[in-house]
């Protein structure tokens, strides 16, 4: 539904006005995630514009990540993509700050012996015990990310796997007096594995953004190492660049 009439005397192109009206309807909830837009012919007739104009307006929404074209379904409104600044924060914290509703399923939690690479990352002797926790993170009920974290055994008290169903890892660390200070992080992208696609309820051809991070406390000691995969069509990283 488009509430505002088109201004045909404006220098603003009609396709842009149509796209902005649809965008407003999506953002204010008039058009909800999962709803289909009217097809091009219906929009053309209702708005009194050409089909290429409608097509250009819809393409603008596709480019902005607000709708997707799905074979057999048409053009469908999607949940807003989560934009996360590259900072030393947890996904749970960021979702809460943006008024999204995070939920977590702990898939596995086990103690294992650190191999040479993991031991070096956590500044532990090879073979030292580490806690391995794998979680599925959801936003507003929709799968968003798979997260695998490793921590020195004994760093967290109690049964952290139970607490991590209710809160984020960084919040749990802070609640136990561990002060996070810095992190080393690498961001990449690749195709989802079959297991990732199944858990994230995504097509086998889906792309995931990857992030590996090692976090340090104020004394420079490694606290945790994480390897995460985020669905690229639901999630983006943002960063601010400053010239020196």
Protein backbone atom coordinates (compact mmCIF):
# COMPACT_ATOMS: atom_id res chain seq x y z
CA UNK A 1 0.00 0.00 0.00
CA UNK A 2 1.33 3.44 -0.93
CA UNK A 3 -0.14 6.24 1.16
CA UNK A 4 1.44 9.33 -0.35
CA UNK A 5 0.45 10.43 -3.86
CA UNK A 6 3.12 10.86 -6.48
CA UNK A 7 4.17 14.42 -7.27
CA UNK A 8 4.46 14.49 -11.05
CA UNK A 9 5.68 18.10 -11.04
CA UNK A 10 8.63 17.33 -8.77
CA UNK A 11 12.18 17.02 -10.10
CA UNK A 12 12.46 13.85 -8.00
CA UNK A 13 12.07 10.86 -10.38
CA UNK A 14 8.84 8.90 -10.07
CA UNK A 15 10.66 5.62 -9.49
CA UNK A 16 12.46 7.20 -6.52
CA UNK A 17 9.19 8.49 -5.04
CA UNK A 18 7.59 5.04 -5.41
CA UNK A 19 10.58 3.36 -3.80
CA UNK A 20 10.60 5.81 -0.89
CA UNK A 21 6.86 5.35 -0.32
CA UNK A 22 7.28 1.58 -0.24
CA UNK A 23 10.32 1.90 2.00
CA UNK A 24 8.29 4.01 4.44
CA UNK A 25 5.53 1.38 4.46
CA UNK A 26 8.11 -1.30 5.27
CA UNK A 27 9.79 0.72 8.00
CA UNK A 28 6.54 1.72 9.74
CA UNK A 29 5.23 -1.85 9.64
CA UNK A 30 2.45 -1.32 7.11
CA UNK A 31 4.26 -3.88 4.98
CA UNK A 32 5.61 -6.63 7.23
CA UNK A 33 8.40 -9.16 6.70
CA UNK A 34 7.08 -12.03 4.61
CA UNK A 35 4.40 -9.98 2.84
CA UNK A 36 4.45 -9.74 -0.93
CA UNK A 37 4.45 -6.51 -2.88
CA UNK A 38 1.79 -6.10 -5.55
CA UNK A 39 3.08 -7.37 -8.87
CA UNK A 40 4.45 -4.94 -11.45
CA UNK A 41 1.29 -4.90 -13.55
CA UNK A 42 -0.92 -4.08 -10.56
CA UNK A 43 1.43 -1.32 -9.38
CA UNK A 44 1.65 0.08 -12.90
CA UNK A 45 -2.13 0.27 -13.22
CA UNK A 46 -2.72 1.66 -9.75
CA UNK A 47 -0.04 4.33 -9.91
CA UNK A 48 -0.47 5.29 -13.52
CA UNK A 49 3.22 4.91 -14.38
CA UNK A 50 5.16 2.77 -16.82
CA UNK A 51 6.27 -0.75 -16.04
CA UNK A 52 9.98 0.16 -16.31
CA UNK A 53 9.40 2.87 -13.69
CA UNK A 54 7.89 0.33 -11.29
CA UNK A 55 10.67 -2.15 -12.04
CA UNK A 56 13.31 0.48 -11.27
CA UNK A 57 11.60 1.36 -7.98
CA UNK A 58 11.46 -2.28 -6.89
CA UNK A 59 15.09 -2.81 -7.89
CA UNK A 60 16.04 0.07 -5.61
CA UNK A 61 14.37 -1.74 -2.70
CA UNK A 62 16.19 -4.95 -3.65
CA UNK A 63 19.50 -3.08 -3.68
CA UNK A 64 18.74 -1.68 -0.22
CA UNK A 65 18.06 -5.17 1.15
CA UNK A 66 14.42 -4.40 1.96
CA UNK A 67 12.83 -6.94 -0.42
CA UNK A 68 13.90 -10.04 -2.31
CA UNK A 69 12.59 -11.59 -5.51
CA UNK A 70 11.63 -15.24 -5.01
CA UNK A 71 10.63 -17.54 -7.81
CA UNK A 72 7.02 -18.55 -7.48
CA UNK A 73 6.34 -16.00 -4.73
CA UNK A 74 7.11 -12.64 -6.30
CA UNK A 75 8.74 -9.78 -4.42
CA UNK A 76 8.76 -10.35 -0.66
CA UNK A 77 9.54 -7.99 2.21
CA UNK A 78 12.43 -9.21 4.34
CA UNK A 79 13.39 -8.47 7.93
CA UNK A 80 15.71 -5.46 8.21
CA UNK A 81 19.36 -6.34 7.78
CA UNK A 82 21.34 -6.01 10.98
CA UNK A 83 24.15 -3.47 10.69
CA UNK A 84 26.84 -4.09 13.27
CA UNK A 85 29.71 -1.73 13.91
CA UNK A 86 33.14 -3.31 14.07
CA UNK A 87 33.75 -2.88 17.79
CA UNK A 88 34.53 -5.02 20.83
CA UNK A 89 30.93 -5.94 21.50
CA UNK A 90 28.89 -9.11 21.35
CA UNK A 91 26.14 -9.83 18.85
CA UNK A 92 23.72 -10.26 21.76
CA UNK A 93 24.53 -6.75 23.02
CA UNK A 94 24.19 -5.25 19.54
CA UNK A 95 20.83 -6.88 18.86
CA UNK A 96 19.46 -5.67 22.20
CA UNK A 97 20.74 -2.15 21.55
CA UNK A 98 18.88 -2.08 18.22
CA UNK A 99 15.63 -3.29 19.83
CA UNK A 100 15.80 -6.69 18.16
CA UNK A 101 14.95 -9.75 20.24
CA UNK A 102 17.98 -12.04 20.53
CA UNK A 103 17.63 -15.69 21.42
CA UNK A 104 20.26 -18.39 21.71
CA UNK A 105 20.33 -22.16 21.37
CA UNK A 106 23.45 -23.84 22.72
CA UNK A 107 24.19 -26.62 20.24
CA UNK A 108 27.23 -28.14 21.95
CA UNK A 109 29.28 -27.46 25.08
CA UNK A 110 32.22 -29.70 25.82
CA UNK A 111 35.71 -29.74 27.26
CA UNK A 112 38.50 -30.66 24.86
CA UNK A 113 42.27 -30.50 24.57
CA UNK A 114 43.63 -27.48 22.71
CA UNK A 115 45.57 -28.29 19.56
CA UNK A 116 48.76 -26.37 18.81
CA UNK A 117 46.96 -23.55 16.93
CA UNK A 118 44.24 -22.99 19.52
CA UNK A 119 46.73 -23.26 22.38
CA UNK A 120 48.87 -20.55 20.79
CA UNK A 121 45.85 -18.26 20.30
CA UNK A 122 44.84 -18.62 23.95
CA UNK A 123 48.44 -18.58 25.28
CA UNK A 124 48.03 -22.07 26.76
CA UNK A 125 50.23 -25.16 26.67
CA UNK A 126 49.35 -27.58 23.88
CA UNK A 127 46.82 -30.08 25.18
CA UNK A 128 45.49 -27.71 27.86
CA UNK A 129 41.75 -28.09 28.56
CA UNK A 130 39.46 -25.57 26.91
CA UNK A 131 35.70 -25.13 26.93
CA UNK A 132 34.21 -25.35 23.44
CA UNK A 133 30.73 -23.83 23.02
CA UNK A 134 28.76 -23.72 19.76
CA UNK A 135 25.62 -21.59 19.61
CA UNK A 136 22.87 -20.65 17.16
CA UNK A 137 21.87 -17.00 17.50
CA UNK A 138 18.44 -15.82 16.38
CA UNK A 139 17.05 -12.31 15.92
CA UNK A 140 13.27 -11.91 16.26
CA UNK A 141 12.96 -15.68 15.88
CA UNK A 142 14.97 -15.86 12.63
CA UNK A 143 18.33 -17.71 12.54
CA UNK A 144 21.15 -15.25 12.01
CA UNK A 145 24.52 -16.65 13.06
CA UNK A 146 26.45 -19.70 14.16
CA UNK A 147 29.07 -18.98 16.80
CA UNK A 148 31.85 -21.27 18.04
CA UNK A 149 33.86 -20.00 21.01
CA UNK A 150 36.76 -21.46 22.97
CA UNK A 151 37.70 -20.40 26.51
CA UNK A 152 40.24 -21.66 29.06
CA UNK A 153 38.58 -24.16 31.37
CA UNK A 154 37.87 -22.59 34.78
CA UNK A 155 37.65 -19.04 33.44
CA UNK A 156 33.87 -19.07 33.90
CA UNK A 157 32.22 -20.35 37.03
CA UNK A 158 29.19 -22.64 37.17
CA UNK A 159 27.61 -24.00 34.00
CA UNK A 160 28.18 -21.31 31.37
CA UNK A 161 26.25 -23.28 28.74
CA UNK A 162 23.08 -22.72 30.81
CA UNK A 163 23.73 -18.98 31.20
CA UNK A 164 24.52 -18.58 27.50
CA UNK A 165 20.94 -19.56 26.64
CA UNK A 166 19.89 -16.34 28.38
CA UNK A 167 22.64 -13.82 27.73
CA UNK A 168 25.65 -13.06 25.55
CA UNK A 169 29.16 -14.35 26.15
CA UNK A 170 30.66 -10.92 26.76
CA UNK A 171 27.93 -10.03 29.24
CA UNK A 172 28.57 -13.30 31.07
CA UNK A 173 32.31 -12.59 31.17
CA UNK A 174 31.71 -9.09 32.50
CA UNK A 175 29.27 -10.36 35.14
CA UNK A 176 32.05 -12.58 36.50
CA UNK A 177 34.49 -9.70 36.78
CA UNK A 178 36.44 -10.26 33.56
CA UNK A 179 37.24 -6.94 31.91
CA UNK A 180 37.49 -7.07 28.13
CA UNK A 181 39.97 -4.65 26.67
CA UNK A 182 41.02 -5.45 23.10
CA UNK A 183 40.52 -7.89 20.28
CA UNK A 184 42.21 -9.10 17.10
CA UNK A 185 39.68 -9.79 14.37
CA UNK A 186 39.52 -10.99 10.78
CA UNK A 187 36.39 -10.66 8.59
CA UNK A 188 35.81 -12.69 5.45
CA UNK A 189 33.11 -14.30 3.31
CA UNK A 190 32.45 -17.74 1.78
CA UNK A 191 29.69 -20.12 0.81
CA UNK A 192 27.81 -21.75 3.66
CA UNK A 193 28.56 -25.38 4.42
CA UNK A 194 25.71 -27.87 4.24
CA UNK A 195 25.45 -27.95 8.05
CA UNK A 196 25.48 -24.15 8.31
CA UNK A 197 22.77 -23.82 5.65
CA UNK A 198 20.59 -26.34 7.46
CA UNK A 199 20.97 -24.73 10.90
CA UNK A 200 20.51 -21.20 9.52
CA UNK A 201 17.50 -22.30 7.44
CA UNK A 202 19.14 -20.88 4.34
CA UNK A 203 19.66 -22.13 0.76
CA UNK A 204 22.68 -24.33 0.21
CA UNK A 205 24.06 -21.59 -2.04
CA UNK A 206 23.85 -18.93 0.70
CA UNK A 207 26.83 -16.73 1.46
CA UNK A 208 28.03 -16.25 5.03
CA UNK A 209 30.18 -13.49 6.46
CA UNK A 210 32.85 -14.93 8.72
CA UNK A 211 34.53 -13.39 11.73
CA UNK A 212 37.34 -14.84 13.80
CA UNK A 213 38.31 -12.94 16.92
CA UNK A 214 40.60 -13.35 19.89
CA UNK A 215 39.70 -11.16 22.86
CA UNK A 216 42.11 -9.99 25.57
CA UNK A 217 41.62 -8.67 29.10
CA UNK A 218 43.27 -5.54 30.51
CA UNK A 219 46.43 -7.46 31.32
CA UNK A 220 46.77 -8.61 27.72
CA UNK A 221 45.81 -12.22 28.45
CA UNK A 222 43.64 -14.01 25.87
CA UNK A 223 40.14 -14.57 27.24
CA UNK A 224 38.38 -16.30 24.36
CA UNK A 225 38.71 -17.17 20.70
CA UNK A 226 35.65 -17.21 18.45
CA UNK A 227 34.85 -18.33 14.93
CA UNK A 228 31.45 -17.07 13.72
CA UNK A 229 29.38 -17.29 10.53
CA UNK A 230 26.59 -14.79 9.74
CA UNK A 231 24.08 -14.96 6.90
CA UNK A 232 25.16 -12.21 4.51
CA UNK A 233 21.62 -11.31 3.39
CA UNK A 234 20.59 -10.62 7.01
CA UNK A 235 23.73 -9.07 8.41
CA UNK A 236 26.42 -6.49 7.59
CA UNK A 237 29.46 -5.04 9.32
CA UNK A 238 29.94 -1.27 9.38
CA UNK A 239 33.09 0.66 10.22
CA UNK A 240 34.32 4.21 10.43
CA UNK A 241 37.56 5.06 8.64
CA UNK A 242 39.71 8.01 9.71
CA UNK A 243 42.51 9.52 7.62
CA UNK A 244 45.90 9.87 9.31
